[in-house]
N, C-alpha and C. Protein backbone atom coordinates (compact mmCIF):
# COMPACT_ATOMS: atom_id res chain seq x y z
N MET A 1 211.48 -53.97 -9.36
CA MET A 1 211.31 -54.41 -7.97
C MET A 1 211.73 -53.28 -7.02
N ASN A 2 210.81 -52.90 -6.18
CA ASN A 2 211.13 -51.83 -5.24
C ASN A 2 211.75 -52.35 -3.97
N THR A 3 212.88 -51.81 -3.64
CA THR A 3 213.52 -52.17 -2.37
C THR A 3 213.88 -50.87 -1.68
N LEU A 4 214.23 -50.94 -0.40
CA LEU A 4 214.65 -49.74 0.32
C LEU A 4 215.89 -49.13 -0.33
N GLU A 5 216.77 -50.00 -0.83
CA GLU A 5 217.99 -49.50 -1.47
C GLU A 5 217.66 -48.73 -2.74
N ASN A 6 216.69 -49.24 -3.51
CA ASN A 6 216.24 -48.54 -4.72
C ASN A 6 215.70 -47.16 -4.37
N LEU A 7 214.88 -47.11 -3.30
CA LEU A 7 214.30 -45.84 -2.88
C LEU A 7 215.40 -44.88 -2.46
N ARG A 8 216.38 -45.39 -1.72
CA ARG A 8 217.49 -44.55 -1.26
C ARG A 8 218.24 -43.95 -2.45
N LEU A 9 218.47 -44.76 -3.45
CA LEU A 9 219.19 -44.29 -4.64
C LEU A 9 218.38 -43.24 -5.40
N LYS A 10 217.06 -43.44 -5.47
CA LYS A 10 216.20 -42.46 -6.15
C LYS A 10 216.20 -41.13 -5.39
N ILE A 11 216.11 -41.21 -4.07
CA ILE A 11 216.11 -39.99 -3.24
C ILE A 11 217.45 -39.25 -3.41
N LYS A 12 218.54 -40.02 -3.38
CA LYS A 12 219.89 -39.46 -3.53
C LYS A 12 220.01 -38.73 -4.88
N GLU A 13 219.58 -39.40 -5.95
CA GLU A 13 219.69 -38.82 -7.28
C GLU A 13 218.85 -37.55 -7.42
N LEU A 14 217.60 -37.61 -6.98
CA LEU A 14 216.72 -36.43 -7.08
C LEU A 14 217.28 -35.27 -6.27
N SER A 15 217.74 -35.57 -5.05
CA SER A 15 218.24 -34.51 -4.16
C SER A 15 219.52 -33.89 -4.69
N GLU A 16 220.43 -34.74 -5.15
CA GLU A 16 221.74 -34.22 -5.58
C GLU A 16 221.69 -33.51 -6.93
N ASN A 17 220.60 -33.74 -7.67
CA ASN A 17 220.48 -33.05 -8.97
C ASN A 17 219.48 -31.91 -8.92
N TYR A 18 219.00 -31.62 -7.73
CA TYR A 18 217.98 -30.56 -7.59
C TYR A 18 218.65 -29.20 -7.51
N THR A 19 218.27 -28.29 -8.42
CA THR A 19 218.94 -26.99 -8.45
C THR A 19 217.98 -25.80 -8.37
N ASP A 20 216.66 -26.06 -8.26
CA ASP A 20 215.68 -24.97 -8.28
C ASP A 20 215.76 -24.08 -7.03
N GLU A 21 216.05 -24.70 -5.89
CA GLU A 21 216.10 -23.96 -4.62
C GLU A 21 217.28 -24.47 -3.82
N GLU A 22 217.60 -23.73 -2.75
CA GLU A 22 218.67 -24.19 -1.86
C GLU A 22 218.17 -25.35 -1.00
N ILE A 23 218.98 -26.38 -0.88
CA ILE A 23 218.64 -27.47 0.05
C ILE A 23 219.88 -27.82 0.87
N GLY A 24 219.64 -28.47 2.01
CA GLY A 24 220.77 -28.79 2.89
C GLY A 24 220.80 -30.26 3.25
N GLY A 25 221.08 -31.11 2.26
CA GLY A 25 221.20 -32.54 2.52
C GLY A 25 219.87 -33.28 2.42
N TRP A 26 219.93 -34.60 2.54
CA TRP A 26 218.74 -35.43 2.39
C TRP A 26 218.81 -36.65 3.31
N ILE A 27 217.67 -37.29 3.53
CA ILE A 27 217.62 -38.51 4.33
C ILE A 27 216.58 -39.48 3.74
N THR A 28 216.51 -40.67 4.29
CA THR A 28 215.47 -41.62 3.89
C THR A 28 214.59 -41.89 5.11
N GLY A 29 213.59 -42.74 4.92
CA GLY A 29 212.75 -43.14 6.04
C GLY A 29 213.54 -44.03 7.00
N ASP A 30 212.94 -44.32 8.16
CA ASP A 30 213.64 -45.11 9.16
C ASP A 30 212.64 -46.02 9.89
N GLY A 31 213.05 -47.24 10.15
CA GLY A 31 212.17 -48.16 10.87
C GLY A 31 211.94 -49.43 10.09
N PRO A 32 211.27 -50.40 10.72
CA PRO A 32 211.09 -51.72 10.09
C PRO A 32 210.22 -51.69 8.84
N VAL A 33 210.49 -52.63 7.94
CA VAL A 33 209.70 -52.82 6.72
C VAL A 33 209.51 -54.33 6.55
N PRO A 34 208.29 -54.86 6.41
CA PRO A 34 207.01 -54.15 6.52
C PRO A 34 206.73 -53.69 7.95
N CYS A 35 205.71 -52.83 8.08
CA CYS A 35 205.38 -52.29 9.41
C CYS A 35 203.91 -51.84 9.41
N ASN A 36 203.20 -52.13 10.49
CA ASN A 36 201.77 -51.78 10.56
C ASN A 36 201.51 -50.29 10.70
N ILE A 37 202.49 -49.58 11.28
CA ILE A 37 202.27 -48.16 11.60
C ILE A 37 203.31 -47.29 10.90
N LEU A 38 202.83 -46.38 10.05
CA LEU A 38 203.74 -45.48 9.33
C LEU A 38 203.40 -44.03 9.67
N PHE A 39 204.39 -43.31 10.20
CA PHE A 39 204.25 -41.88 10.46
C PHE A 39 204.90 -41.13 9.31
N VAL A 40 204.19 -40.11 8.80
CA VAL A 40 204.75 -39.30 7.70
C VAL A 40 204.86 -37.85 8.15
N GLY A 41 206.09 -37.35 8.16
CA GLY A 41 206.34 -35.96 8.55
C GLY A 41 206.46 -35.07 7.32
N GLU A 42 207.06 -33.90 7.54
CA GLU A 42 207.14 -32.90 6.48
C GLU A 42 208.43 -33.02 5.66
N ALA A 43 209.53 -32.64 6.28
CA ALA A 43 210.85 -32.68 5.64
C ALA A 43 211.90 -32.67 6.74
N PRO A 44 213.10 -33.18 6.47
CA PRO A 44 214.11 -33.18 7.52
C PRO A 44 214.64 -31.79 7.85
N GLY A 45 215.11 -31.63 9.07
CA GLY A 45 215.78 -30.40 9.48
C GLY A 45 217.27 -30.68 9.64
N LYS A 46 217.99 -29.77 10.25
CA LYS A 46 219.45 -29.86 10.39
C LYS A 46 219.88 -31.13 11.12
N THR A 47 219.29 -31.38 12.29
CA THR A 47 219.69 -32.56 13.09
C THR A 47 219.40 -33.85 12.35
N GLU A 48 218.25 -33.88 11.66
CA GLU A 48 217.86 -35.07 10.91
C GLU A 48 218.91 -35.40 9.84
N VAL A 49 219.34 -34.37 9.11
CA VAL A 49 220.32 -34.58 8.04
C VAL A 49 221.66 -35.02 8.65
N GLU A 50 222.04 -34.40 9.77
CA GLU A 50 223.31 -34.76 10.43
C GLU A 50 223.30 -36.22 10.88
N GLN A 51 222.15 -36.67 11.41
CA GLN A 51 222.08 -38.04 11.92
C GLN A 51 221.53 -39.05 10.91
N GLY A 52 221.02 -38.53 9.78
CA GLY A 52 220.51 -39.41 8.73
C GLY A 52 219.22 -40.12 9.10
N LYS A 53 218.45 -39.52 10.03
CA LYS A 53 217.20 -40.15 10.49
C LYS A 53 216.11 -39.11 10.66
N PRO A 54 214.85 -39.44 10.32
CA PRO A 54 213.76 -38.48 10.55
C PRO A 54 213.42 -38.36 12.03
N PHE A 55 212.96 -37.20 12.42
CA PHE A 55 212.48 -36.95 13.78
C PHE A 55 213.49 -37.27 14.87
N VAL A 56 214.65 -36.61 14.82
CA VAL A 56 215.63 -36.79 15.89
C VAL A 56 215.99 -35.47 16.57
N GLY A 57 215.46 -34.37 16.04
CA GLY A 57 215.73 -33.07 16.66
C GLY A 57 214.81 -32.85 17.85
N MET A 58 214.52 -31.58 18.12
CA MET A 58 213.66 -31.24 19.25
C MET A 58 212.26 -31.84 19.09
N ALA A 59 211.70 -31.72 17.89
CA ALA A 59 210.37 -32.29 17.63
C ALA A 59 210.41 -33.80 17.77
N GLY A 60 211.56 -34.38 17.44
CA GLY A 60 211.74 -35.82 17.56
C GLY A 60 211.65 -36.30 18.99
N GLU A 61 212.20 -35.50 19.91
CA GLU A 61 212.14 -35.85 21.33
C GLU A 61 210.69 -35.85 21.82
N THR A 62 209.94 -34.82 21.42
CA THR A 62 208.51 -34.75 21.76
C THR A 62 207.78 -35.95 21.18
N PHE A 63 208.08 -36.24 19.92
CA PHE A 63 207.45 -37.35 19.21
C PHE A 63 207.67 -38.66 19.97
N GLU A 64 208.93 -38.90 20.34
CA GLU A 64 209.28 -40.15 21.02
C GLU A 64 208.61 -40.26 22.40
N GLU A 65 208.54 -39.14 23.07
CA GLU A 65 207.90 -39.08 24.39
C GLU A 65 206.42 -39.53 24.29
N TYR A 66 205.72 -38.98 23.31
CA TYR A 66 204.30 -39.33 23.12
C TYR A 66 204.12 -40.75 22.60
N LEU A 67 205.06 -41.18 21.77
CA LEU A 67 205.05 -42.54 21.25
C LEU A 67 205.12 -43.52 22.42
N ASN A 68 206.07 -43.26 23.32
CA ASN A 68 206.24 -44.10 24.51
C ASN A 68 205.01 -44.05 25.41
N SER A 69 204.33 -42.88 25.44
CA SER A 69 203.16 -42.73 26.31
C SER A 69 202.01 -43.64 25.89
N ILE A 70 202.02 -44.10 24.62
CA ILE A 70 200.97 -45.05 24.20
C ILE A 70 201.57 -46.44 23.96
N ASP A 71 202.66 -46.71 24.69
CA ASP A 71 203.31 -48.03 24.67
C ASP A 71 203.89 -48.42 23.32
N LEU A 72 204.41 -47.44 22.59
CA LEU A 72 205.10 -47.73 21.34
C LEU A 72 206.55 -47.25 21.45
N THR A 73 207.42 -47.83 20.63
CA THR A 73 208.81 -47.36 20.58
C THR A 73 209.16 -47.14 19.11
N ARG A 74 210.27 -46.46 18.87
CA ARG A 74 210.72 -46.21 17.50
C ARG A 74 210.96 -47.51 16.74
N THR A 75 211.36 -48.54 17.44
CA THR A 75 211.67 -49.81 16.76
C THR A 75 210.41 -50.50 16.22
N LYS A 76 209.24 -50.07 16.69
CA LYS A 76 207.98 -50.71 16.27
C LYS A 76 207.24 -49.93 15.19
N VAL A 77 207.75 -48.75 14.83
CA VAL A 77 207.06 -47.93 13.83
C VAL A 77 208.03 -47.50 12.73
N ARG A 78 207.48 -47.18 11.58
CA ARG A 78 208.29 -46.63 10.49
C ARG A 78 208.00 -45.13 10.42
N VAL A 79 209.04 -44.35 10.24
CA VAL A 79 208.89 -42.89 10.16
C VAL A 79 209.51 -42.41 8.85
N THR A 80 208.77 -41.60 8.11
CA THR A 80 209.31 -41.09 6.85
C THR A 80 208.85 -39.66 6.63
N ASN A 81 209.13 -39.11 5.44
CA ASN A 81 208.79 -37.72 5.14
C ASN A 81 208.05 -37.57 3.82
N THR A 82 207.45 -36.39 3.64
CA THR A 82 206.78 -36.06 2.39
C THR A 82 207.81 -35.56 1.39
N CYS A 83 208.79 -34.82 1.90
CA CYS A 83 209.90 -34.30 1.10
C CYS A 83 211.18 -34.82 1.76
N PHE A 84 212.06 -35.42 0.99
CA PHE A 84 213.20 -36.13 1.60
C PHE A 84 214.47 -35.30 1.72
N PHE A 85 214.49 -34.12 1.14
CA PHE A 85 215.65 -33.26 1.39
C PHE A 85 215.27 -32.12 2.33
N ARG A 86 216.28 -31.47 2.86
CA ARG A 86 216.03 -30.36 3.80
C ARG A 86 215.90 -29.05 3.03
N PRO A 87 214.68 -28.49 2.95
CA PRO A 87 214.53 -27.20 2.27
C PRO A 87 215.07 -26.09 3.19
N ILE A 88 215.93 -25.26 2.66
CA ILE A 88 216.53 -24.21 3.51
C ILE A 88 216.41 -22.83 2.89
N LYS A 89 216.52 -21.82 3.75
CA LYS A 89 216.69 -20.46 3.23
C LYS A 89 217.96 -19.90 3.86
N ILE A 90 218.73 -19.21 3.03
CA ILE A 90 220.00 -18.64 3.49
C ILE A 90 219.86 -17.13 3.51
N LYS A 91 220.16 -16.56 4.66
CA LYS A 91 220.04 -15.10 4.81
C LYS A 91 221.36 -14.52 5.27
N GLU A 92 221.66 -13.35 4.70
CA GLU A 92 222.86 -12.67 5.18
C GLU A 92 222.43 -11.47 6.02
N GLY A 93 222.89 -11.43 7.25
CA GLY A 93 222.52 -10.35 8.16
C GLY A 93 223.31 -9.08 7.89
N LYS A 94 222.98 -8.01 8.61
CA LYS A 94 223.66 -6.72 8.43
C LYS A 94 225.16 -6.81 8.73
N THR A 95 225.51 -7.73 9.63
CA THR A 95 226.92 -7.87 10.02
C THR A 95 227.69 -8.74 9.03
N GLY A 96 226.95 -9.26 8.04
CA GLY A 96 227.60 -10.11 7.06
C GLY A 96 227.58 -11.59 7.46
N ARG A 97 226.94 -11.86 8.62
CA ARG A 97 226.85 -13.24 9.10
C ARG A 97 225.72 -13.96 8.35
N THR A 98 226.01 -15.16 7.86
CA THR A 98 225.03 -15.91 7.12
C THR A 98 224.29 -16.88 8.04
N THR A 99 222.98 -16.90 7.94
CA THR A 99 222.20 -17.88 8.72
C THR A 99 221.43 -18.79 7.77
N VAL A 100 221.37 -20.04 8.18
CA VAL A 100 220.64 -21.04 7.40
C VAL A 100 219.48 -21.53 8.25
N SER A 101 218.26 -21.45 7.69
CA SER A 101 217.12 -21.95 8.46
C SER A 101 216.24 -22.84 7.58
N ASN A 102 215.40 -23.63 8.24
CA ASN A 102 214.49 -24.52 7.51
C ASN A 102 213.37 -23.69 6.89
N ARG A 103 212.83 -24.18 5.80
CA ARG A 103 211.62 -23.57 5.24
C ARG A 103 210.67 -24.71 4.89
N THR A 104 209.42 -24.35 4.66
CA THR A 104 208.42 -25.34 4.28
C THR A 104 208.70 -25.80 2.84
N PRO A 105 208.61 -27.10 2.57
CA PRO A 105 208.81 -27.53 1.18
C PRO A 105 207.73 -26.96 0.26
N LYS A 106 208.13 -26.56 -0.94
CA LYS A 106 207.18 -26.00 -1.90
C LYS A 106 206.47 -27.13 -2.65
N SER A 107 205.33 -26.79 -3.25
CA SER A 107 204.54 -27.80 -3.98
C SER A 107 205.35 -28.64 -4.98
N PRO A 108 206.20 -27.99 -5.83
CA PRO A 108 206.97 -28.81 -6.78
C PRO A 108 207.92 -29.78 -6.06
N GLU A 109 208.40 -29.37 -4.88
CA GLU A 109 209.33 -30.24 -4.13
C GLU A 109 208.60 -31.45 -3.56
N ILE A 110 207.35 -31.24 -3.17
CA ILE A 110 206.54 -32.35 -2.65
C ILE A 110 206.20 -33.30 -3.80
N LYS A 111 205.88 -32.69 -4.94
CA LYS A 111 205.55 -33.47 -6.15
C LYS A 111 206.75 -34.31 -6.61
N LEU A 112 207.91 -33.75 -6.47
CA LEU A 112 209.16 -34.41 -6.85
C LEU A 112 209.28 -35.79 -6.20
N PHE A 113 208.81 -35.88 -4.95
CA PHE A 113 208.96 -37.13 -4.20
C PHE A 113 207.66 -37.94 -4.10
N LYS A 114 206.63 -37.52 -4.85
CA LYS A 114 205.31 -38.18 -4.75
C LYS A 114 205.42 -39.68 -4.99
N GLU A 115 206.06 -40.02 -6.08
CA GLU A 115 206.19 -41.43 -6.47
C GLU A 115 206.98 -42.22 -5.42
N ILE A 116 208.03 -41.62 -4.91
CA ILE A 116 208.88 -42.29 -3.92
C ILE A 116 208.10 -42.57 -2.64
N LEU A 117 207.33 -41.59 -2.17
CA LEU A 117 206.54 -41.81 -0.96
C LEU A 117 205.50 -42.91 -1.21
N ASP A 118 204.85 -42.86 -2.38
CA ASP A 118 203.87 -43.91 -2.72
C ASP A 118 204.52 -45.29 -2.74
N GLU A 119 205.74 -45.35 -3.28
CA GLU A 119 206.46 -46.63 -3.34
C GLU A 119 206.84 -47.10 -1.94
N GLU A 120 207.22 -46.15 -1.09
CA GLU A 120 207.58 -46.52 0.29
C GLU A 120 206.35 -47.05 1.03
N ILE A 121 205.21 -46.40 0.83
CA ILE A 121 203.96 -46.86 1.46
C ILE A 121 203.65 -48.29 1.01
N GLU A 122 203.82 -48.53 -0.28
CA GLU A 122 203.59 -49.86 -0.85
C GLU A 122 204.50 -50.90 -0.19
N LEU A 123 205.74 -50.53 -0.04
CA LEU A 123 206.77 -51.40 0.53
C LEU A 123 206.53 -51.67 2.02
N VAL A 124 206.20 -50.63 2.74
CA VAL A 124 205.97 -50.73 4.20
C VAL A 124 204.67 -51.48 4.48
N ASN A 125 203.68 -51.27 3.59
CA ASN A 125 202.37 -51.91 3.70
C ASN A 125 201.73 -51.70 5.09
N PRO A 126 201.59 -50.43 5.51
CA PRO A 126 201.05 -50.18 6.84
C PRO A 126 199.53 -50.37 6.91
N LYS A 127 199.03 -50.67 8.10
CA LYS A 127 197.58 -50.73 8.29
C LYS A 127 197.05 -49.31 8.46
N ILE A 128 197.92 -48.43 8.97
CA ILE A 128 197.51 -47.04 9.20
C ILE A 128 198.67 -46.10 8.94
N ILE A 129 198.35 -44.93 8.37
CA ILE A 129 199.35 -43.88 8.13
C ILE A 129 198.98 -42.70 9.00
N ILE A 130 199.92 -42.24 9.81
CA ILE A 130 199.65 -41.08 10.66
C ILE A 130 200.41 -39.89 10.06
N THR A 131 199.64 -38.87 9.63
CA THR A 131 200.28 -37.69 9.05
C THR A 131 200.57 -36.69 10.17
N LEU A 132 201.77 -36.13 10.15
CA LEU A 132 202.18 -35.17 11.19
C LEU A 132 202.29 -33.78 10.57
N GLY A 133 201.26 -32.97 10.76
CA GLY A 133 201.28 -31.61 10.22
C GLY A 133 200.55 -31.48 8.89
N ASN A 134 200.48 -30.25 8.39
CA ASN A 134 199.70 -29.94 7.19
C ASN A 134 200.27 -30.47 5.88
N ILE A 135 201.60 -30.51 5.77
CA ILE A 135 202.21 -30.92 4.49
C ILE A 135 201.84 -32.37 4.13
N PRO A 136 202.11 -33.36 5.01
CA PRO A 136 201.70 -34.72 4.66
C PRO A 136 200.17 -34.89 4.60
N LEU A 137 199.47 -34.09 5.41
CA LEU A 137 198.00 -34.14 5.40
C LEU A 137 197.47 -33.82 4.00
N LYS A 138 197.94 -32.71 3.43
CA LYS A 138 197.47 -32.29 2.11
C LYS A 138 197.92 -33.26 1.02
N ARG A 139 199.04 -33.90 1.27
CA ARG A 139 199.57 -34.85 0.27
C ARG A 139 198.78 -36.18 0.28
N LEU A 140 198.28 -36.58 1.46
CA LEU A 140 197.65 -37.90 1.56
C LEU A 140 196.15 -37.88 1.82
N THR A 141 195.56 -36.68 1.94
CA THR A 141 194.10 -36.59 2.09
C THR A 141 193.61 -35.39 1.28
N ASN A 142 192.30 -35.16 1.31
CA ASN A 142 191.75 -33.99 0.61
C ASN A 142 191.54 -32.81 1.56
N PHE A 143 191.95 -32.97 2.81
CA PHE A 143 191.77 -31.88 3.77
C PHE A 143 192.76 -30.74 3.50
N LYS A 144 192.31 -29.55 3.81
CA LYS A 144 193.17 -28.37 3.59
C LYS A 144 193.90 -27.95 4.85
N SER A 145 193.33 -28.32 6.02
CA SER A 145 193.94 -27.87 7.26
C SER A 145 193.79 -28.92 8.36
N ILE A 146 194.84 -29.07 9.14
CA ILE A 146 194.88 -30.03 10.23
C ILE A 146 193.79 -29.75 11.28
N GLY A 147 193.43 -28.49 11.42
CA GLY A 147 192.41 -28.10 12.39
C GLY A 147 191.05 -28.73 12.11
N ASP A 148 190.82 -29.08 10.82
CA ASP A 148 189.53 -29.66 10.42
C ASP A 148 189.39 -31.14 10.72
N CYS A 149 190.49 -31.83 10.94
CA CYS A 149 190.39 -33.29 10.90
C CYS A 149 191.28 -34.05 11.88
N HIS A 150 192.08 -33.35 12.68
CA HIS A 150 193.03 -34.07 13.56
C HIS A 150 192.30 -34.98 14.55
N GLY A 151 192.98 -36.08 14.88
CA GLY A 151 192.42 -36.99 15.88
C GLY A 151 191.28 -37.86 15.41
N GLN A 152 191.04 -37.90 14.08
CA GLN A 152 189.98 -38.75 13.52
C GLN A 152 190.62 -39.70 12.52
N VAL A 153 190.00 -40.85 12.33
CA VAL A 153 190.55 -41.79 11.35
C VAL A 153 189.75 -41.72 10.05
N TYR A 154 190.45 -41.73 8.92
CA TYR A 154 189.82 -41.64 7.60
C TYR A 154 190.33 -42.76 6.72
N PHE A 155 189.56 -43.11 5.70
CA PHE A 155 190.02 -44.14 4.77
C PHE A 155 190.39 -43.47 3.45
N ASN A 156 191.63 -43.68 3.01
CA ASN A 156 192.07 -43.14 1.74
C ASN A 156 191.79 -44.19 0.66
N GLU A 157 190.80 -43.90 -0.19
CA GLU A 157 190.36 -44.84 -1.23
C GLU A 157 191.47 -45.19 -2.21
N GLU A 158 192.24 -44.17 -2.57
CA GLU A 158 193.30 -44.37 -3.56
C GLU A 158 194.38 -45.30 -3.01
N LEU A 159 194.78 -45.06 -1.77
CA LEU A 159 195.84 -45.88 -1.16
C LEU A 159 195.28 -47.14 -0.51
N LYS A 160 193.95 -47.17 -0.33
CA LYS A 160 193.28 -48.28 0.36
C LYS A 160 193.87 -48.49 1.76
N ARG A 161 194.06 -47.35 2.44
CA ARG A 161 194.62 -47.42 3.79
C ARG A 161 193.98 -46.37 4.70
N TYR A 162 194.03 -46.65 5.99
CA TYR A 162 193.53 -45.68 6.96
C TYR A 162 194.57 -44.59 7.18
N VAL A 163 194.07 -43.36 7.33
CA VAL A 163 194.94 -42.21 7.60
C VAL A 163 194.44 -41.54 8.87
N PHE A 164 195.36 -41.22 9.76
CA PHE A 164 195.02 -40.57 11.03
C PHE A 164 195.82 -39.26 11.12
N PRO A 165 195.18 -38.11 10.85
CA PRO A 165 195.91 -36.84 10.88
C PRO A 165 196.19 -36.34 12.31
N MET A 166 197.41 -35.87 12.52
CA MET A 166 197.78 -35.27 13.81
C MET A 166 198.56 -33.99 13.57
N TYR A 167 198.61 -33.16 14.61
CA TYR A 167 199.48 -31.98 14.54
C TYR A 167 200.93 -32.45 14.55
N HIS A 168 201.78 -31.63 13.97
CA HIS A 168 203.22 -31.92 13.99
C HIS A 168 203.71 -31.72 15.42
N PRO A 169 204.61 -32.57 15.92
CA PRO A 169 205.10 -32.41 17.30
C PRO A 169 205.68 -31.02 17.59
N SER A 170 206.23 -30.37 16.56
CA SER A 170 206.81 -29.04 16.78
C SER A 170 205.74 -27.99 17.10
N ALA A 171 204.47 -28.31 16.80
CA ALA A 171 203.37 -27.39 17.11
C ALA A 171 203.31 -27.11 18.61
N LEU A 172 203.77 -28.07 19.41
CA LEU A 172 203.79 -27.88 20.86
C LEU A 172 204.76 -26.78 21.28
N THR A 173 205.80 -26.61 20.49
CA THR A 173 206.80 -25.57 20.77
C THR A 173 206.19 -24.19 20.58
N TYR A 174 205.31 -24.08 19.58
CA TYR A 174 204.71 -22.78 19.28
C TYR A 174 203.42 -22.51 20.05
N ASN A 175 202.71 -23.59 20.38
CA ASN A 175 201.46 -23.43 21.13
C ASN A 175 201.66 -23.94 22.55
N ARG A 176 202.11 -23.08 23.41
CA ARG A 176 202.43 -23.54 24.75
C ARG A 176 201.23 -23.50 25.70
N ASN A 177 200.06 -23.13 25.18
CA ASN A 177 198.90 -23.05 26.09
C ASN A 177 198.35 -24.43 26.44
N ASP A 178 197.73 -24.51 27.60
CA ASP A 178 197.24 -25.79 28.14
C ASP A 178 196.16 -26.43 27.28
N THR A 179 195.32 -25.59 26.65
CA THR A 179 194.23 -26.11 25.82
C THR A 179 194.79 -26.91 24.66
N PHE A 180 195.80 -26.34 23.99
CA PHE A 180 196.41 -27.03 22.85
C PHE A 180 197.11 -28.30 23.32
N LYS A 181 197.82 -28.19 24.42
CA LYS A 181 198.55 -29.34 24.98
C LYS A 181 197.61 -30.50 25.27
N LYS A 182 196.46 -30.18 25.86
CA LYS A 182 195.48 -31.21 26.21
C LYS A 182 194.92 -31.86 24.94
N MET A 183 194.62 -31.02 23.96
CA MET A 183 194.09 -31.51 22.70
C MET A 183 195.10 -32.44 22.01
N TYR A 184 196.36 -32.04 22.03
CA TYR A 184 197.43 -32.85 21.41
C TYR A 184 197.55 -34.19 22.14
N HIS A 185 197.52 -34.13 23.46
CA HIS A 185 197.60 -35.33 24.30
C HIS A 185 196.41 -36.25 24.01
N ASP A 186 195.21 -35.67 23.91
CA ASP A 186 193.99 -36.44 23.63
C ASP A 186 194.06 -37.14 22.28
N ASP A 187 194.68 -36.47 21.29
CA ASP A 187 194.81 -37.10 19.97
C ASP A 187 195.64 -38.38 20.03
N TRP A 188 196.67 -38.38 20.88
CA TRP A 188 197.49 -39.58 21.04
C TRP A 188 196.69 -40.70 21.70
N ILE A 189 195.83 -40.34 22.65
CA ILE A 189 194.97 -41.33 23.32
C ILE A 189 194.01 -41.93 22.28
N LYS A 190 193.47 -41.04 21.42
CA LYS A 190 192.56 -41.51 20.35
C LYS A 190 193.30 -42.45 19.40
N LEU A 191 194.56 -42.10 19.10
CA LEU A 191 195.35 -42.94 18.21
C LEU A 191 195.55 -44.32 18.83
N LYS A 192 195.83 -44.35 20.12
CA LYS A 192 196.02 -45.62 20.81
C LYS A 192 194.78 -46.50 20.67
N LYS A 193 193.62 -45.88 20.83
CA LYS A 193 192.34 -46.64 20.72
C LYS A 193 192.15 -47.15 19.29
N VAL A 194 192.49 -46.33 18.31
CA VAL A 194 192.35 -46.74 16.90
C VAL A 194 193.29 -47.92 16.63
N LEU A 195 194.53 -47.83 17.12
CA LEU A 195 195.51 -48.90 16.90
C LEU A 195 195.05 -50.22 17.49
N GLU A 196 194.32 -50.15 18.59
CA GLU A 196 193.82 -51.38 19.24
C GLU A 196 192.76 -52.09 18.40
N THR A 197 192.13 -51.34 17.49
CA THR A 197 191.07 -51.94 16.66
C THR A 197 191.60 -52.52 15.35
N LEU A 198 192.85 -52.21 15.02
CA LEU A 198 193.39 -52.65 13.70
C LEU A 198 193.79 -54.11 13.70
């Protein structure tokens, strides 16, 4: 029997016994279960691990702002990740100062949590899954790049669920031009229209 507690224990065990690469803590999904709307991100960052919740850092603020713009709140959606631990790289500078930064989860790390994410989807039973960025996109669809498919709704035959790919909220930090901003904003408007039909 799958429960949120079972998933939490599985994530804890996998994360705490993982020795292939450096990681910096782990988290679980957040939000109501069951839930019609499930957002799937990439992996937690520093703030997420500190607060034990997905999407609470800078990208989280952007995410929440756009969520509110289409009349949704965090309490009405479930948010989870493709990889449940924080993948990190540790660098030592010339001065001997060590810096820790996030890195993209590697394929084996995504595979490690494949079953858990599938189980969470089963448990949440969403009408639609919104992928945020390339990592969850590649994990839950056959698309190779977010540029090919963002802002459109697709049906995942294997999961028997609708998937709506979007750019990761942090993309706004890197793409500060108005064209990208408008496109990102338009995708949220499209999402709102799709949600009204479900």
